[in-house]
Amino acid sequence: MEETHIMQPSRRTFLKTMALGIAAYGVPASVNHALAAVSGSGKTLVVYFSWPETLTPQNMSNDEANSTVVINGKVLGNTQYVAMIIAETTGAEIFRIEPVKPWPQNHKPLIAQAKIEQMRDYRPAIAKPLKNFQDYDTIFLGYPNWWADLPMILYTFLETYDFSGKRIIPFSTHGGSGFSGTIRTIADLQPKAEVVRNGYTVSRDVVAEAAPEVTRWVKETA
């Protein structure tokens, strides 16, 4: 096939045309994101919560191994590992959600505390605020699936920041439950955001081999 050359409008002309269309008719969120990307005003951020049950790579128990990935001798939480792949693929900044009061790393006390928080609808405090949140247009949001729900600290995060007009792309790790209803929960908590429904979720059993799949999904979705 022969190459066809098409005259392209200047960047200024394109933005002006887009702005006139917006003023006249309004615009869907997807076009807003396209405009932000062209104008350079939109930035991407990877936000995640992950809680590995050990930071020592030797002599792990089954529970510890289920919650971690070991890369070059370094222990990463499952969701942390996926978040790092996404950040590397997109060139995005990365932010880890951490609690003021850390959870136990031992499996049984951790499970007990997290379950009590869920039953009480508790909101754990976040240790560090996310600076310049208004600068980000697209947020990849990652978390483990805990009892078919978001970890309660995710509720804290989603109720702290206003995602209006932003694009939320969920990703999760799980032990067999996929996303459950968590994408719907995110959409309910942030009704003025565009929540992408085809997020990425991966079982803890195969997360260590998931890098090519994650990279492919990011390129198709972002």
C-alpha atoms as a PDB file:
ATOM      1  CA  MET A   1       0.000   0.000   0.000  1.00  0.00           C
ATOM      2  CA  GLU A   2       1.298   3.415  -0.901  1.00  0.00           C
ATOM      3  CA  GLU A   3       1.771   5.954   1.866  1.00  0.00           C
ATOM      4  CA  THR A   4      -0.784   8.738   1.918  1.00  0.00           C
ATOM      5  CA  HIS A   5       0.283  12.170   3.161  1.00  0.00           C
ATOM      6  CA  ILE A   6      -2.318  14.199   5.031  1.00  0.00           C
ATOM      7  CA  MET A   7      -1.929  17.823   6.023  1.00  0.00           C
ATOM      8  CA  GLN A   8      -2.095  18.083   9.824  1.00  0.00           C
ATOM      9  CA  PRO A   9      -3.510  21.161  11.585  1.00  0.00           C
ATOM     10  CA  SER A  10      -1.201  23.043  13.890  1.00  0.00           C
ATOM     11  CA  ARG A  11      -1.312  22.279  17.600  1.00  0.00           C
ATOM     12  CA  ARG A  12      -2.772  25.728  18.313  1.00  0.00           C
ATOM     13  CA  THR A  13      -5.481  25.314  15.668  1.00  0.00           C
ATOM     14  CA  PHE A  14      -6.389  21.890  17.022  1.00  0.00           C
ATOM     15  CA  LEU A  15      -6.719  23.134  20.600  1.00  0.00           C
ATOM     16  CA  LYS A  16      -8.755  26.134  19.513  1.00  0.00           C
ATOM     17  CA  THR A  17     -11.132  23.908  17.547  1.00  0.00           C
ATOM     18  CA  MET A  18     -11.514  21.567  20.495  1.00  0.00           C
ATOM     19  CA  ALA A  19     -12.212  24.458  22.838  1.00  0.00           C
ATOM     20  CA  LEU A  20     -14.908  25.862  20.554  1.00  0.00           C
ATOM     21  CA  GLY A  21     -16.566  22.455  20.365  1.00  0.00           C
ATOM     22  CA  ILE A  22     -16.493  22.107  24.145  1.00  0.00           C
ATOM     23  CA  ALA A  23     -18.015  25.528  24.661  1.00  0.00           C
ATOM     24  CA  ALA A  24     -20.816  24.837  22.207  1.00  0.00           C
ATOM     25  CA  TYR A  25     -21.803  21.295  23.074  1.00  0.00           C
ATOM     26  CA  GLY A  26     -20.027  20.112  26.212  1.00  0.00           C
ATOM     27  CA  VAL A  27     -17.673  17.165  26.048  1.00  0.00           C
ATOM     28  CA  PRO A  28     -17.479  13.599  27.340  1.00  0.00           C
ATOM     29  CA  ALA A  29     -14.776  12.681  29.813  1.00  0.00           C
ATOM     30  CA  SER A  30     -12.805  10.684  27.245  1.00  0.00           C
ATOM     31  CA  VAL A  31     -12.335  13.783  25.075  1.00  0.00           C
ATOM     32  CA  ASN A  32     -11.347  15.804  28.129  1.00  0.00           C
ATOM     33  CA  HIS A  33      -8.541  13.313  28.730  1.00  0.00           C
ATOM     34  CA  ALA A  34      -7.451  13.532  25.102  1.00  0.00           C
ATOM     35  CA  LEU A  35      -7.382  17.322  25.288  1.00  0.00           C
ATOM     36  CA  ALA A  36      -5.395  17.234  28.523  1.00  0.00           C
ATOM     37  CA  ALA A  37      -2.856  14.931  26.938  1.00  0.00           C
ATOM     38  CA  VAL A  38      -2.439  17.199  23.906  1.00  0.00           C
ATOM     39  CA  SER A  39      -2.181  20.392  25.949  1.00  0.00           C
ATOM     40  CA  GLY A  40       0.279  18.821  28.399  1.00  0.00           C
ATOM     41  CA  SER A  41      -1.867  19.593  31.443  1.00  0.00           C
ATOM     42  CA  GLY A  42      -2.657  15.979  32.351  1.00  0.00           C
ATOM     43  CA  LYS A  43      -0.332  13.716  34.322  1.00  0.00           C
ATOM     44  CA  THR A  44      -0.574  10.043  35.245  1.00  0.00           C
ATOM     45  CA  LEU A  45      -0.147   8.690  38.750  1.00  0.00           C
ATOM     46  CA  VAL A  46       0.009   5.132  40.065  1.00  0.00           C
ATOM     47  CA  VAL A  47      -1.506   4.857  43.557  1.00  0.00           C
ATOM     48  CA  TYR A  48      -1.473   1.555  45.378  1.00  0.00           C
ATOM     49  CA  PHE A  49      -1.928  -0.150  48.714  1.00  0.00           C
ATOM     50  CA  SER A  50       0.041  -3.319  49.412  1.00  0.00           C
ATOM     51  CA  TRP A  51       0.893  -5.124  52.633  1.00  0.00           C
ATOM     52  CA  PRO A  52       3.449  -7.957  52.291  1.00  0.00           C
ATOM     53  CA  GLU A  53       3.481 -10.280  55.272  1.00  0.00           C
ATOM     54  CA  THR A  54       7.270 -10.390  55.387  1.00  0.00           C
ATOM     55  CA  LEU A  55      10.237  -8.462  54.033  1.00  0.00           C
ATOM     56  CA  THR A  56      12.638 -11.389  54.399  1.00  0.00           C
ATOM     57  CA  PRO A  57      13.038 -13.577  51.303  1.00  0.00           C
ATOM     58  CA  GLN A  58      14.346 -16.646  53.114  1.00  0.00           C
ATOM     59  CA  ASN A  59      12.258 -19.383  54.733  1.00  0.00           C
ATOM     60  CA  MET A  60       8.869 -17.917  53.921  1.00  0.00           C
ATOM     61  CA  SER A  61       5.701 -19.569  55.147  1.00  0.00           C
ATOM     62  CA  ASN A  62       2.955 -20.310  52.609  1.00  0.00           C
ATOM     63  CA  ASP A  63       0.977 -17.266  53.765  1.00  0.00           C
ATOM     64  CA  GLU A  64       4.021 -15.010  53.425  1.00  0.00           C
ATOM     65  CA  ALA A  65       4.804 -16.359  49.967  1.00  0.00           C
ATOM     66  CA  ASN A  66       1.184 -15.825  48.896  1.00  0.00           C
ATOM     67  CA  SER A  67       1.413 -12.107  49.668  1.00  0.00           C
ATOM     68  CA  THR A  68       4.774 -11.406  48.056  1.00  0.00           C
ATOM     69  CA  VAL A  69       6.941 -11.467  44.963  1.00  0.00           C
ATOM     70  CA  VAL A  70      10.728 -11.718  45.258  1.00  0.00           C
ATOM     71  CA  ILE A  71      12.639  -9.824  42.569  1.00  0.00           C
ATOM     72  CA  ASN A  72      16.441  -9.921  42.645  1.00  0.00           C
ATOM     73  CA  GLY A  73      16.350 -10.796  46.330  1.00  0.00           C
ATOM     74  CA  LYS A  74      13.988  -7.950  47.238  1.00  0.00           C
ATOM     75  CA  VAL A  75      10.556  -8.723  48.692  1.00  0.00           C
ATOM     76  CA  LEU A  76       7.631  -6.816  47.184  1.00  0.00           C
ATOM     77  CA  GLY A  77       3.933  -7.053  47.944  1.00  0.00           C
ATOM     78  CA  ASN A  78       1.882  -8.518  45.106  1.00  0.00           C
ATOM     79  CA  THR A  79       0.054  -5.272  44.381  1.00  0.00           C
ATOM     80  CA  GLN A  80       3.263  -3.307  44.840  1.00  0.00           C
ATOM     81  CA  TYR A  81       4.896  -5.390  42.125  1.00  0.00           C
ATOM     82  CA  VAL A  82       2.071  -4.749  39.661  1.00  0.00           C
ATOM     83  CA  ALA A  83       2.142  -1.035  40.520  1.00  0.00           C
ATOM     84  CA  MET A  84       5.862  -0.864  39.754  1.00  0.00           C
ATOM     85  CA  ILE A  85       5.346  -2.493  36.356  1.00  0.00           C
ATOM     86  CA  ILE A  86       2.605   0.008  35.519  1.00  0.00           C
ATOM     87  CA  ALA A  87       4.745   2.950  36.616  1.00  0.00           C
ATOM     88  CA  GLU A  88       7.697   1.701  34.560  1.00  0.00           C
ATOM     89  CA  THR A  89       5.512   1.160  31.498  1.00  0.00           C
ATOM     90  CA  THR A  90       3.793   4.557  31.664  1.00  0.00           C
ATOM     91  CA  GLY A  91       6.598   6.652  33.118  1.00  0.00           C
ATOM     92  CA  ALA A  92       4.127   7.750  35.789  1.00  0.00           C
ATOM     93  CA  GLU A  93       4.881   8.859  39.314  1.00  0.00           C
ATOM     94  CA  ILE A  94       3.981   6.394  42.055  1.00  0.00           C
ATOM     95  CA  PHE A  95       2.402   6.819  45.486  1.00  0.00           C
ATOM     96  CA  ARG A  96       2.008   4.152  48.148  1.00  0.00           C
ATOM     97  CA  ILE A  97      -0.914   4.380  50.571  1.00  0.00           C
ATOM     98  CA  GLU A  98       0.413   3.616  54.050  1.00  0.00           C
ATOM     99  CA  PRO A  99      -1.393   3.699  57.404  1.00  0.00           C
ATOM    100  CA  VAL A 100      -0.494   5.871  60.367  1.00  0.00           C
ATOM    101  CA  LYS A 101      -0.671   2.758  62.526  1.00  0.00           C
ATOM    102  CA  PRO A 102       0.913  -0.188  60.695  1.00  0.00           C
ATOM    103  CA  TRP A 103      -0.880  -3.517  60.591  1.00  0.00           C
ATOM    104  CA  PRO A 104       0.833  -6.659  61.900  1.00  0.00           C
ATOM    105  CA  GLN A 105       2.876  -8.607  59.378  1.00  0.00           C
ATOM    106  CA  ASN A 106       2.072 -11.962  60.964  1.00  0.00           C
ATOM    107  CA  HIS A 107      -0.764 -13.561  59.043  1.00  0.00           C
ATOM    108  CA  LYS A 108      -3.329 -14.370  61.728  1.00  0.00           C
ATOM    109  CA  PRO A 109      -3.161 -11.012  63.594  1.00  0.00           C
ATOM    110  CA  LEU A 110      -3.235  -9.173  60.257  1.00  0.00           C
ATOM    111  CA  ILE A 111      -6.297 -11.064  59.060  1.00  0.00           C
ATOM    112  CA  ALA A 112      -8.060 -10.545  62.385  1.00  0.00           C
ATOM    113  CA  GLN A 113      -7.422  -6.797  62.446  1.00  0.00           C
ATOM    114  CA  ALA A 114      -8.386  -6.259  58.822  1.00  0.00           C
ATOM    115  CA  LYS A 115     -11.600  -8.249  59.273  1.00  0.00           C
ATOM    116  CA  ILE A 116     -12.580  -6.244  62.358  1.00  0.00           C
ATOM    117  CA  GLU A 117     -11.975  -2.993  60.453  1.00  0.00           C
ATOM    118  CA  GLN A 118     -14.259  -4.192  57.681  1.00  0.00           C
ATOM    119  CA  MET A 119     -17.016  -5.257  60.080  1.00  0.00           C
ATOM    120  CA  ARG A 120     -16.868  -1.883  61.852  1.00  0.00           C
ATOM    121  CA  ASP A 121     -16.681   0.109  58.602  1.00  0.00           C
ATOM    122  CA  TYR A 122     -13.516   1.671  60.000  1.00  0.00           C
ATOM    123  CA  ARG A 123     -11.400   4.250  58.158  1.00  0.00           C
ATOM    124  CA  PRO A 124      -7.669   3.820  58.930  1.00  0.00           C
ATOM    125  CA  ALA A 125      -5.759   7.115  58.808  1.00  0.00           C
ATOM    126  CA  ILE A 126      -3.243   7.556  55.977  1.00  0.00           C
ATOM    127  CA  ALA A 127       0.293   8.416  57.048  1.00  0.00           C
ATOM    128  CA  LYS A 128       1.297  10.835  54.279  1.00  0.00           C
ATOM    129  CA  PRO A 129      -0.890  13.112  52.172  1.00  0.00           C
ATOM    130  CA  LEU A 130      -0.724  12.966  48.397  1.00  0.00           C
ATOM    131  CA  LYS A 131       0.685  16.284  47.212  1.00  0.00           C
ATOM    132  CA  ASN A 132      -0.506  18.139  44.111  1.00  0.00           C
ATOM    133  CA  PHE A 133      -3.367  15.719  43.504  1.00  0.00           C
ATOM    134  CA  GLN A 134      -5.042  18.286  41.255  1.00  0.00           C
ATOM    135  CA  ASP A 135      -2.187  17.938  38.752  1.00  0.00           C
ATOM    136  CA  TYR A 136      -3.082  14.359  37.828  1.00  0.00           C
ATOM    137  CA  ASP A 137      -5.552  13.523  35.102  1.00  0.00           C
ATOM    138  CA  THR A 138      -5.301   9.702  35.147  1.00  0.00           C
ATOM    139  CA  ILE A 139      -4.889   7.585  38.280  1.00  0.00           C
ATOM    140  CA  PHE A 140      -4.118   3.875  38.247  1.00  0.00           C
ATOM    141  CA  LEU A 141      -5.508   2.635  41.570  1.00  0.00           C
ATOM    142  CA  GLY A 142      -4.267  -0.693  42.934  1.00  0.00           C
ATOM    143  CA  TYR A 143      -5.201  -2.838  45.916  1.00  0.00           C
ATOM    144  CA  PRO A 144      -5.576  -6.437  47.090  1.00  0.00           C
ATOM    145  CA  ASN A 145      -9.071  -7.898  47.204  1.00  0.00           C
ATOM    146  CA  TRP A 146      -9.865  -8.489  50.885  1.00  0.00           C
ATOM    147  CA  TRP A 147     -13.048 -10.500  51.497  1.00  0.00           C
ATOM    148  CA  ALA A 148     -14.613  -9.378  48.219  1.00  0.00           C
ATOM    149  CA  ASP A 149     -14.101  -5.714  49.104  1.00  0.00           C
ATOM    150  CA  LEU A 150     -11.596  -2.884  49.092  1.00  0.00           C
ATOM    151  CA  PRO A 151      -9.229  -2.721  52.047  1.00  0.00           C
ATOM    152  CA  MET A 152     -10.705  -0.137  54.389  1.00  0.00           C
ATOM    153  CA  ILE A 153      -7.800   2.256  53.892  1.00  0.00           C
ATOM    154  CA  LEU A 154      -8.885   2.523  50.245  1.00  0.00           C
ATOM    155  CA  TYR A 155     -12.186   3.931  51.482  1.00  0.00           C
ATOM    156  CA  THR A 156     -10.195   6.509  53.437  1.00  0.00           C
ATOM    157  CA  PHE A 157      -8.267   7.469  50.325  1.00  0.00           C
ATOM    158  CA  LEU A 158     -11.280   7.655  48.029  1.00  0.00           C
ATOM    159  CA  GLU A 159     -13.245   9.714  50.544  1.00  0.00           C
ATOM    160  CA  THR A 160     -10.336  12.133  51.072  1.00  0.00           C
ATOM    161  CA  TYR A 161      -9.730  13.280  47.494  1.00  0.00           C
ATOM    162  CA  ASP A 162     -12.060  14.642  44.832  1.00  0.00           C
ATOM    163  CA  PHE A 163     -11.621  12.689  41.593  1.00  0.00           C
ATOM    164  CA  SER A 164     -14.164  14.736  39.616  1.00  0.00           C
ATOM    165  CA  GLY A 165     -13.193  14.796  35.937  1.00  0.00           C
ATOM    166  CA  LYS A 166     -10.335  12.369  36.469  1.00  0.00           C
ATOM    167  CA  ARG A 167      -9.903   8.898  35.029  1.00  0.00           C
ATOM    168  CA  ILE A 168      -9.504   6.017  37.497  1.00  0.00           C
ATOM    169  CA  ILE A 169      -8.034   2.773  36.186  1.00  0.00           C
ATOM    170  CA  PRO A 170      -8.345  -0.010  38.804  1.00  0.00           C
ATOM    171  CA  PHE A 171      -5.993  -2.935  39.208  1.00  0.00           C
ATOM    172  CA  SER A 172      -5.970  -5.595  41.888  1.00  0.00           C
ATOM    173  CA  THR A 173      -4.466  -8.812  43.156  1.00  0.00           C
ATOM    174  CA  HIS A 174      -6.519 -11.618  44.616  1.00  0.00           C
ATOM    175  CA  GLY A 175      -6.631 -15.166  45.908  1.00  0.00           C
ATOM    176  CA  GLY A 176      -9.439 -16.303  43.622  1.00  0.00           C
ATOM    177  CA  SER A 177     -12.129 -13.602  43.714  1.00  0.00           C
ATOM    178  CA  GLY A 178     -11.005 -11.257  40.941  1.00  0.00           C
ATOM    179  CA  PHE A 179     -12.382  -7.758  41.373  1.00  0.00           C
ATOM    180  CA  SER A 180     -15.600  -8.904  43.089  1.00  0.00           C
ATOM    181  CA  GLY A 181     -17.680  -5.709  43.272  1.00  0.00           C
ATOM    182  CA  THR A 182     -14.808  -3.323  43.934  1.00  0.00           C
ATOM    183  CA  ILE A 183     -14.946  -1.416  40.648  1.00  0.00           C
ATOM    184  CA  ARG A 184     -18.603  -0.613  41.297  1.00  0.00           C
ATOM    185  CA  THR A 185     -17.666   0.508  44.808  1.00  0.00           C
ATOM    186  CA  ILE A 186     -15.033   2.881  43.421  1.00  0.00           C
ATOM    187  CA  ALA A 187     -17.568   4.302  40.963  1.00  0.00           C
ATOM    188  CA  ASP A 188     -20.106   4.790  43.761  1.00  0.00           C
ATOM    189  CA  LEU A 189     -17.537   6.603  45.916  1.00  0.00           C
ATOM    190  CA  GLN A 190     -16.399   8.818  43.032  1.00  0.00           C
ATOM    191  CA  PRO A 191     -19.471   9.326  40.817  1.00  0.00           C
ATOM    192  CA  LYS A 192     -17.969  12.289  38.949  1.00  0.00           C
ATOM    193  CA  ALA A 193     -14.879  10.372  37.852  1.00  0.00           C
ATOM    194  CA  GLU A 194     -14.521   8.170  34.786  1.00  0.00           C
ATOM    195  CA  VAL A 195     -13.921   4.704  36.245  1.00  0.00           C
ATOM    196  CA  VAL A 196     -12.519   2.274  33.681  1.00  0.00           C
ATOM    197  CA  ARG A 197     -14.393  -1.021  33.847  1.00  0.00           C
ATOM    198  CA  ASN A 198     -11.827  -3.210  32.112  1.00  0.00           C
ATOM    199  CA  GLY A 199      -9.275  -2.984  34.922  1.00  0.00           C
ATOM    200  CA  TYR A 200      -6.564  -5.535  35.478  1.00  0.00           C
ATOM    201  CA  THR A 201      -6.720  -8.206  38.158  1.00  0.00           C
ATOM    202  CA  VAL A 202      -4.313 -11.078  38.717  1.00  0.00           C
ATOM    203  CA  SER A 203      -4.177 -14.068  41.026  1.00  0.00           C
ATOM    204  CA  ARG A 204      -1.454 -14.203  43.658  1.00  0.00           C
ATOM    205  CA  ASP A 205      -0.565 -17.626  42.214  1.00  0.00           C
ATOM    206  CA  VAL A 206       0.698 -16.172  38.925  1.00  0.00           C
ATOM    207  CA  VAL A 207       1.514 -12.538  39.720  1.00  0.00           C
ATOM    208  CA  ALA A 208       5.274 -13.185  39.611  1.00  0.00           C
ATOM    209  CA  GLU A 209       4.945 -14.048  35.899  1.00  0.00           C
ATOM    210  CA  ALA A 210       2.454 -11.308  35.070  1.00  0.00           C
ATOM    211  CA  ALA A 211       4.774  -8.567  33.787  1.00  0.00           C
ATOM    212  CA  PRO A 212       4.177  -9.130  30.021  1.00  0.00           C
ATOM    213  CA  GLU A 213       0.410  -9.286  30.554  1.00  0.00           C
ATOM    214  CA  VAL A 214       0.410  -6.147  32.705  1.00  0.00           C
ATOM    215  CA  THR A 215       2.472  -4.247  30.169  1.00  0.00           C
ATOM    216  CA  ARG A 216       0.146  -5.274  27.322  1.00  0.00           C
ATOM    217  CA  TRP A 217      -2.944  -4.254  29.313  1.00  0.00           C
ATOM    218  CA  VAL A 218      -1.462  -0.859  30.182  1.00  0.00           C
ATOM    219  CA  LYS A 219      -0.667  -0.093  26.560  1.00  0.00           C
ATOM    220  CA  GLU A 220      -4.199  -1.033  25.524  1.00  0.00           C
ATOM    221  CA  THR A 221      -5.900   0.892  28.320  1.00  0.00           C
ATOM    222  CA  ALA A 222      -3.891   3.984  29.236  1.00  0.00           C
END
